[in-house]
Amino acid sequence: ALAKPLIVRPYTGNFAEAMKKLREAEALMEVADEQALAETVSVLRYSPEEATGMGRRAQLVVKKEKGATLRHAEVILGLLNKRGRRWGGATD
């Protein structure tokens, strides 16, 4: 997380949860086309306070979520181990 503002296209379905959190934090801007991208870059270029704020908010979201994959994997592995014991299967 480099504390930079995020500009994304609306096609972020594979990252729905992350995008939701970044939107809620007002840490990104969505653009629909090249013209919107140019306008957004211009706005951020001439509004450094806004760009810096967006970047800091994005960085906070990323820091808060750091380790989420490991936490999810631990929960899944724990559930699989319980399932294996219940059915008499191996737990390793």
N, C-alpha and C. Protein backbone atom coordinates (compact mmCIF):
# COMPACT_ATOMS: atom_id res chain seq x y z
N ALA A 1 0.85 -1.19 0.00
CA ALA A 1 0.00 0.00 0.00
C ALA A 1 0.89 1.24 0.00
N LEU A 2 0.87 1.91 -1.12
CA LEU A 2 1.74 3.07 -1.30
C LEU A 2 1.04 4.39 -1.02
N ALA A 3 -0.16 4.35 -0.49
CA ALA A 3 -0.93 5.55 -0.16
C ALA A 3 -1.18 6.42 -1.38
N LYS A 4 -1.57 5.79 -2.48
CA LYS A 4 -1.90 6.50 -3.72
C LYS A 4 -3.40 6.36 -3.97
N PRO A 5 -4.00 7.37 -4.59
CA PRO A 5 -5.43 7.25 -4.89
C PRO A 5 -5.65 6.15 -5.94
N LEU A 6 -6.78 5.50 -5.85
CA LEU A 6 -7.11 4.40 -6.76
C LEU A 6 -8.16 4.84 -7.76
N ILE A 7 -7.91 4.50 -9.01
CA ILE A 7 -8.87 4.75 -10.08
C ILE A 7 -9.12 3.40 -10.73
N VAL A 8 -10.39 2.98 -10.77
CA VAL A 8 -10.72 1.66 -11.31
C VAL A 8 -11.86 1.76 -12.31
N ARG A 9 -11.97 0.75 -13.13
CA ARG A 9 -13.12 0.59 -14.02
C ARG A 9 -14.23 -0.07 -13.21
N PRO A 10 -15.46 -0.05 -13.69
CA PRO A 10 -16.55 -0.65 -12.92
C PRO A 10 -16.54 -2.19 -12.92
N TYR A 11 -15.65 -2.81 -13.66
CA TYR A 11 -15.64 -4.26 -13.78
C TYR A 11 -14.71 -4.89 -12.74
N THR A 12 -15.13 -4.86 -11.50
CA THR A 12 -14.29 -5.35 -10.40
C THR A 12 -14.98 -6.47 -9.63
N GLY A 13 -15.83 -7.22 -10.31
CA GLY A 13 -16.61 -8.27 -9.65
C GLY A 13 -15.78 -9.30 -8.92
N ASN A 14 -14.60 -9.60 -9.43
CA ASN A 14 -13.73 -10.59 -8.77
C ASN A 14 -13.19 -10.07 -7.44
N PHE A 15 -13.31 -8.79 -7.22
CA PHE A 15 -12.78 -8.17 -6.01
C PHE A 15 -13.88 -7.41 -5.28
N ALA A 16 -15.09 -7.95 -5.31
CA ALA A 16 -16.28 -7.24 -4.80
C ALA A 16 -16.10 -6.78 -3.36
N GLU A 17 -15.63 -7.66 -2.50
CA GLU A 17 -15.51 -7.30 -1.08
C GLU A 17 -14.47 -6.20 -0.86
N ALA A 18 -13.33 -6.33 -1.52
CA ALA A 18 -12.29 -5.31 -1.39
C ALA A 18 -12.78 -3.97 -1.94
N MET A 19 -13.44 -4.00 -3.08
CA MET A 19 -13.95 -2.76 -3.68
C MET A 19 -15.00 -2.11 -2.78
N LYS A 20 -15.83 -2.93 -2.17
CA LYS A 20 -16.85 -2.41 -1.25
C LYS A 20 -16.18 -1.65 -0.11
N LYS A 21 -15.16 -2.23 0.46
CA LYS A 21 -14.47 -1.59 1.58
C LYS A 21 -13.76 -0.31 1.15
N LEU A 22 -13.16 -0.33 -0.02
CA LEU A 22 -12.49 0.87 -0.53
C LEU A 22 -13.50 1.97 -0.87
N ARG A 23 -14.64 1.58 -1.44
CA ARG A 23 -15.70 2.57 -1.72
C ARG A 23 -16.20 3.20 -0.43
N GLU A 24 -16.48 2.36 0.56
CA GLU A 24 -16.99 2.85 1.84
C GLU A 24 -16.01 3.83 2.48
N ALA A 25 -14.72 3.60 2.26
CA ALA A 25 -13.69 4.48 2.82
C ALA A 25 -13.44 5.71 1.94
N GLU A 26 -14.16 5.79 0.82
CA GLU A 26 -13.94 6.86 -0.15
C GLU A 26 -12.47 6.93 -0.57
N ALA A 27 -11.95 5.73 -0.89
CA ALA A 27 -10.53 5.61 -1.23
C ALA A 27 -10.30 5.33 -2.71
N LEU A 28 -11.36 5.34 -3.51
CA LEU A 28 -11.17 5.09 -4.93
C LEU A 28 -12.19 5.88 -5.74
N MET A 29 -11.89 5.99 -7.02
CA MET A 29 -12.81 6.61 -7.96
C MET A 29 -13.00 5.64 -9.11
N GLU A 30 -14.26 5.44 -9.52
CA GLU A 30 -14.58 4.58 -10.65
C GLU A 30 -14.76 5.43 -11.89
N VAL A 31 -14.22 4.95 -12.98
CA VAL A 31 -14.38 5.64 -14.26
C VAL A 31 -14.94 4.66 -15.28
N ALA A 32 -15.81 5.16 -16.14
CA ALA A 32 -16.47 4.30 -17.11
C ALA A 32 -15.75 4.24 -18.45
N ASP A 33 -14.98 5.29 -18.76
CA ASP A 33 -14.35 5.33 -20.09
C ASP A 33 -13.11 6.21 -20.04
N GLU A 34 -12.49 6.35 -21.19
CA GLU A 34 -11.23 7.11 -21.28
C GLU A 34 -11.41 8.58 -20.92
N GLN A 35 -12.54 9.16 -21.33
CA GLN A 35 -12.79 10.56 -21.01
C GLN A 35 -12.92 10.75 -19.50
N ALA A 36 -13.65 9.86 -18.85
CA ALA A 36 -13.80 9.94 -17.40
C ALA A 36 -12.45 9.75 -16.71
N LEU A 37 -11.63 8.87 -17.25
CA LEU A 37 -10.29 8.66 -16.69
C LEU A 37 -9.48 9.95 -16.77
N ALA A 38 -9.48 10.59 -17.93
CA ALA A 38 -8.73 11.84 -18.11
C ALA A 38 -9.23 12.91 -17.14
N GLU A 39 -10.53 13.01 -16.99
CA GLU A 39 -11.10 14.01 -16.08
C GLU A 39 -10.73 13.72 -14.63
N THR A 40 -10.78 12.45 -14.26
CA THR A 40 -10.46 12.06 -12.89
C THR A 40 -8.99 12.33 -12.57
N VAL A 41 -8.11 11.97 -13.49
CA VAL A 41 -6.68 12.25 -13.29
C VAL A 41 -6.46 13.74 -13.16
N SER A 42 -7.14 14.53 -13.96
CA SER A 42 -7.00 15.98 -13.89
C SER A 42 -7.47 16.51 -12.55
N VAL A 43 -8.61 16.02 -12.08
CA VAL A 43 -9.14 16.46 -10.78
C VAL A 43 -8.13 16.14 -9.68
N LEU A 44 -7.61 14.93 -9.70
CA LEU A 44 -6.67 14.53 -8.65
C LEU A 44 -5.36 15.30 -8.76
N ARG A 45 -4.96 15.58 -9.98
CA ARG A 45 -3.71 16.33 -10.19
C ARG A 45 -3.80 17.74 -9.62
N TYR A 46 -4.96 18.35 -9.80
CA TYR A 46 -5.13 19.74 -9.34
C TYR A 46 -5.77 19.84 -7.96
N SER A 47 -6.00 18.69 -7.34
CA SER A 47 -6.51 18.65 -5.96
C SER A 47 -5.64 17.70 -5.15
N PRO A 48 -4.40 18.10 -4.91
CA PRO A 48 -3.49 17.18 -4.22
C PRO A 48 -3.97 16.76 -2.83
N GLU A 49 -4.71 17.63 -2.17
CA GLU A 49 -5.23 17.26 -0.85
C GLU A 49 -6.19 16.08 -0.97
N GLU A 50 -7.05 16.13 -1.99
CA GLU A 50 -8.00 15.04 -2.22
C GLU A 50 -7.26 13.76 -2.59
N ALA A 51 -6.27 13.87 -3.46
CA ALA A 51 -5.49 12.70 -3.88
C ALA A 51 -4.76 12.09 -2.69
N THR A 52 -4.17 12.92 -1.87
CA THR A 52 -3.46 12.43 -0.69
C THR A 52 -4.42 11.77 0.29
N GLY A 53 -5.58 12.38 0.49
CA GLY A 53 -6.57 11.80 1.40
C GLY A 53 -7.07 10.45 0.91
N MET A 54 -7.35 10.37 -0.39
CA MET A 54 -7.79 9.09 -0.95
C MET A 54 -6.71 8.03 -0.76
N GLY A 55 -5.48 8.40 -1.03
CA GLY A 55 -4.38 7.45 -0.88
C GLY A 55 -4.22 6.97 0.54
N ARG A 56 -4.34 7.87 1.48
CA ARG A 56 -4.21 7.48 2.90
C ARG A 56 -5.36 6.58 3.33
N ARG A 57 -6.57 6.89 2.85
CA ARG A 57 -7.71 6.04 3.19
C ARG A 57 -7.54 4.65 2.58
N ALA A 58 -7.04 4.59 1.35
CA ALA A 58 -6.79 3.29 0.72
C ALA A 58 -5.75 2.50 1.51
N GLN A 59 -4.71 3.18 1.93
CA GLN A 59 -3.65 2.53 2.70
C GLN A 59 -4.20 1.97 4.02
N LEU A 60 -5.08 2.72 4.67
CA LEU A 60 -5.68 2.25 5.92
C LEU A 60 -6.53 1.00 5.70
N VAL A 61 -7.29 0.97 4.61
CA VAL A 61 -8.10 -0.21 4.30
C VAL A 61 -7.20 -1.41 4.09
N VAL A 62 -6.14 -1.24 3.32
CA VAL A 62 -5.22 -2.35 3.04
C VAL A 62 -4.56 -2.83 4.33
N LYS A 63 -4.12 -1.91 5.17
CA LYS A 63 -3.48 -2.32 6.43
C LYS A 63 -4.46 -3.05 7.33
N LYS A 64 -5.71 -2.58 7.36
CA LYS A 64 -6.72 -3.23 8.20
C LYS A 64 -6.98 -4.66 7.73
N GLU A 65 -6.96 -4.87 6.42
CA GLU A 65 -7.26 -6.18 5.86
C GLU A 65 -6.04 -7.09 5.74
N LYS A 66 -4.88 -6.58 6.05
CA LYS A 66 -3.66 -7.38 5.94
C LYS A 66 -3.79 -8.65 6.78
N GLY A 67 -3.49 -9.76 6.17
CA GLY A 67 -3.58 -11.04 6.87
C GLY A 67 -4.93 -11.71 6.73
N ALA A 68 -5.85 -11.11 5.99
CA ALA A 68 -7.19 -11.68 5.85
C ALA A 68 -7.14 -13.05 5.20
N THR A 69 -6.28 -13.25 4.22
CA THR A 69 -6.19 -14.55 3.55
C THR A 69 -5.78 -15.64 4.54
N LEU A 70 -4.78 -15.33 5.36
CA LEU A 70 -4.34 -16.31 6.36
C LEU A 70 -5.46 -16.61 7.36
N ARG A 71 -6.16 -15.58 7.80
CA ARG A 71 -7.27 -15.81 8.75
C ARG A 71 -8.34 -16.70 8.12
N HIS A 72 -8.69 -16.43 6.87
CA HIS A 72 -9.70 -17.25 6.21
C HIS A 72 -9.21 -18.69 6.03
N ALA A 73 -7.96 -18.85 5.64
CA ALA A 73 -7.40 -20.20 5.46
C ALA A 73 -7.43 -20.98 6.78
N GLU A 74 -7.12 -20.33 7.87
CA GLU A 74 -7.13 -21.00 9.18
C GLU A 74 -8.54 -21.47 9.54
N VAL A 75 -9.54 -20.65 9.26
CA VAL A 75 -10.92 -21.05 9.53
C VAL A 75 -11.30 -22.24 8.66
N ILE A 76 -10.98 -22.19 7.39
CA ILE A 76 -11.32 -23.28 6.47
C ILE A 76 -10.62 -24.57 6.88
N LEU A 77 -9.34 -24.49 7.20
CA LEU A 77 -8.60 -25.68 7.62
C LEU A 77 -9.18 -26.25 8.92
N GLY A 78 -9.55 -25.38 9.83
CA GLY A 78 -10.17 -25.84 11.07
C GLY A 78 -11.47 -26.58 10.81
N LEU A 79 -12.28 -26.06 9.91
CA LEU A 79 -13.53 -26.72 9.56
C LEU A 79 -13.28 -28.06 8.89
N LEU A 80 -12.30 -28.11 8.00
CA LEU A 80 -11.97 -29.36 7.32
C LEU A 80 -11.46 -30.40 8.32
N ASN A 81 -10.66 -29.98 9.28
CA ASN A 81 -10.16 -30.92 10.29
C ASN A 81 -11.30 -31.47 11.13
N LYS A 82 -12.25 -30.63 11.50
CA LYS A 82 -13.41 -31.11 12.27
C LYS A 82 -14.21 -32.10 11.44
N ARG A 83 -14.39 -31.79 10.18
CA ARG A 83 -15.15 -32.67 9.28
C ARG A 83 -14.45 -34.01 9.15
N GLY A 84 -13.13 -34.00 9.01
CA GLY A 84 -12.37 -35.25 8.88
C GLY A 84 -12.51 -36.12 10.12
N ARG A 85 -12.45 -35.51 11.30
CA ARG A 85 -12.58 -36.28 12.54
C ARG A 85 -13.97 -36.85 12.68
N ARG A 86 -14.97 -36.07 12.28
CA ARG A 86 -16.34 -36.51 12.42
C ARG A 86 -16.62 -37.72 11.53
N TRP A 87 -16.01 -37.76 10.36
CA TRP A 87 -16.23 -38.86 9.43
C TRP A 87 -15.15 -39.92 9.49
N GLY A 88 -14.27 -39.80 10.45
CA GLY A 88 -13.24 -40.80 10.61
C GLY A 88 -12.10 -40.71 9.63
N GLY A 89 -12.01 -39.57 8.93
CA GLY A 89 -10.96 -39.39 7.93
C GLY A 89 -9.69 -38.85 8.58
N ALA A 90 -8.66 -38.77 7.77
CA ALA A 90 -7.37 -38.22 8.23
C ALA A 90 -7.54 -36.73 8.50
N THR A 91 -6.75 -36.23 9.43
CA THR A 91 -6.82 -34.81 9.78
C THR A 91 -5.57 -34.05 9.36
N ASP A 92 -4.64 -34.69 8.68
CA ASP A 92 -3.41 -33.98 8.25
C ASP A 92 -3.53 -33.67 6.79
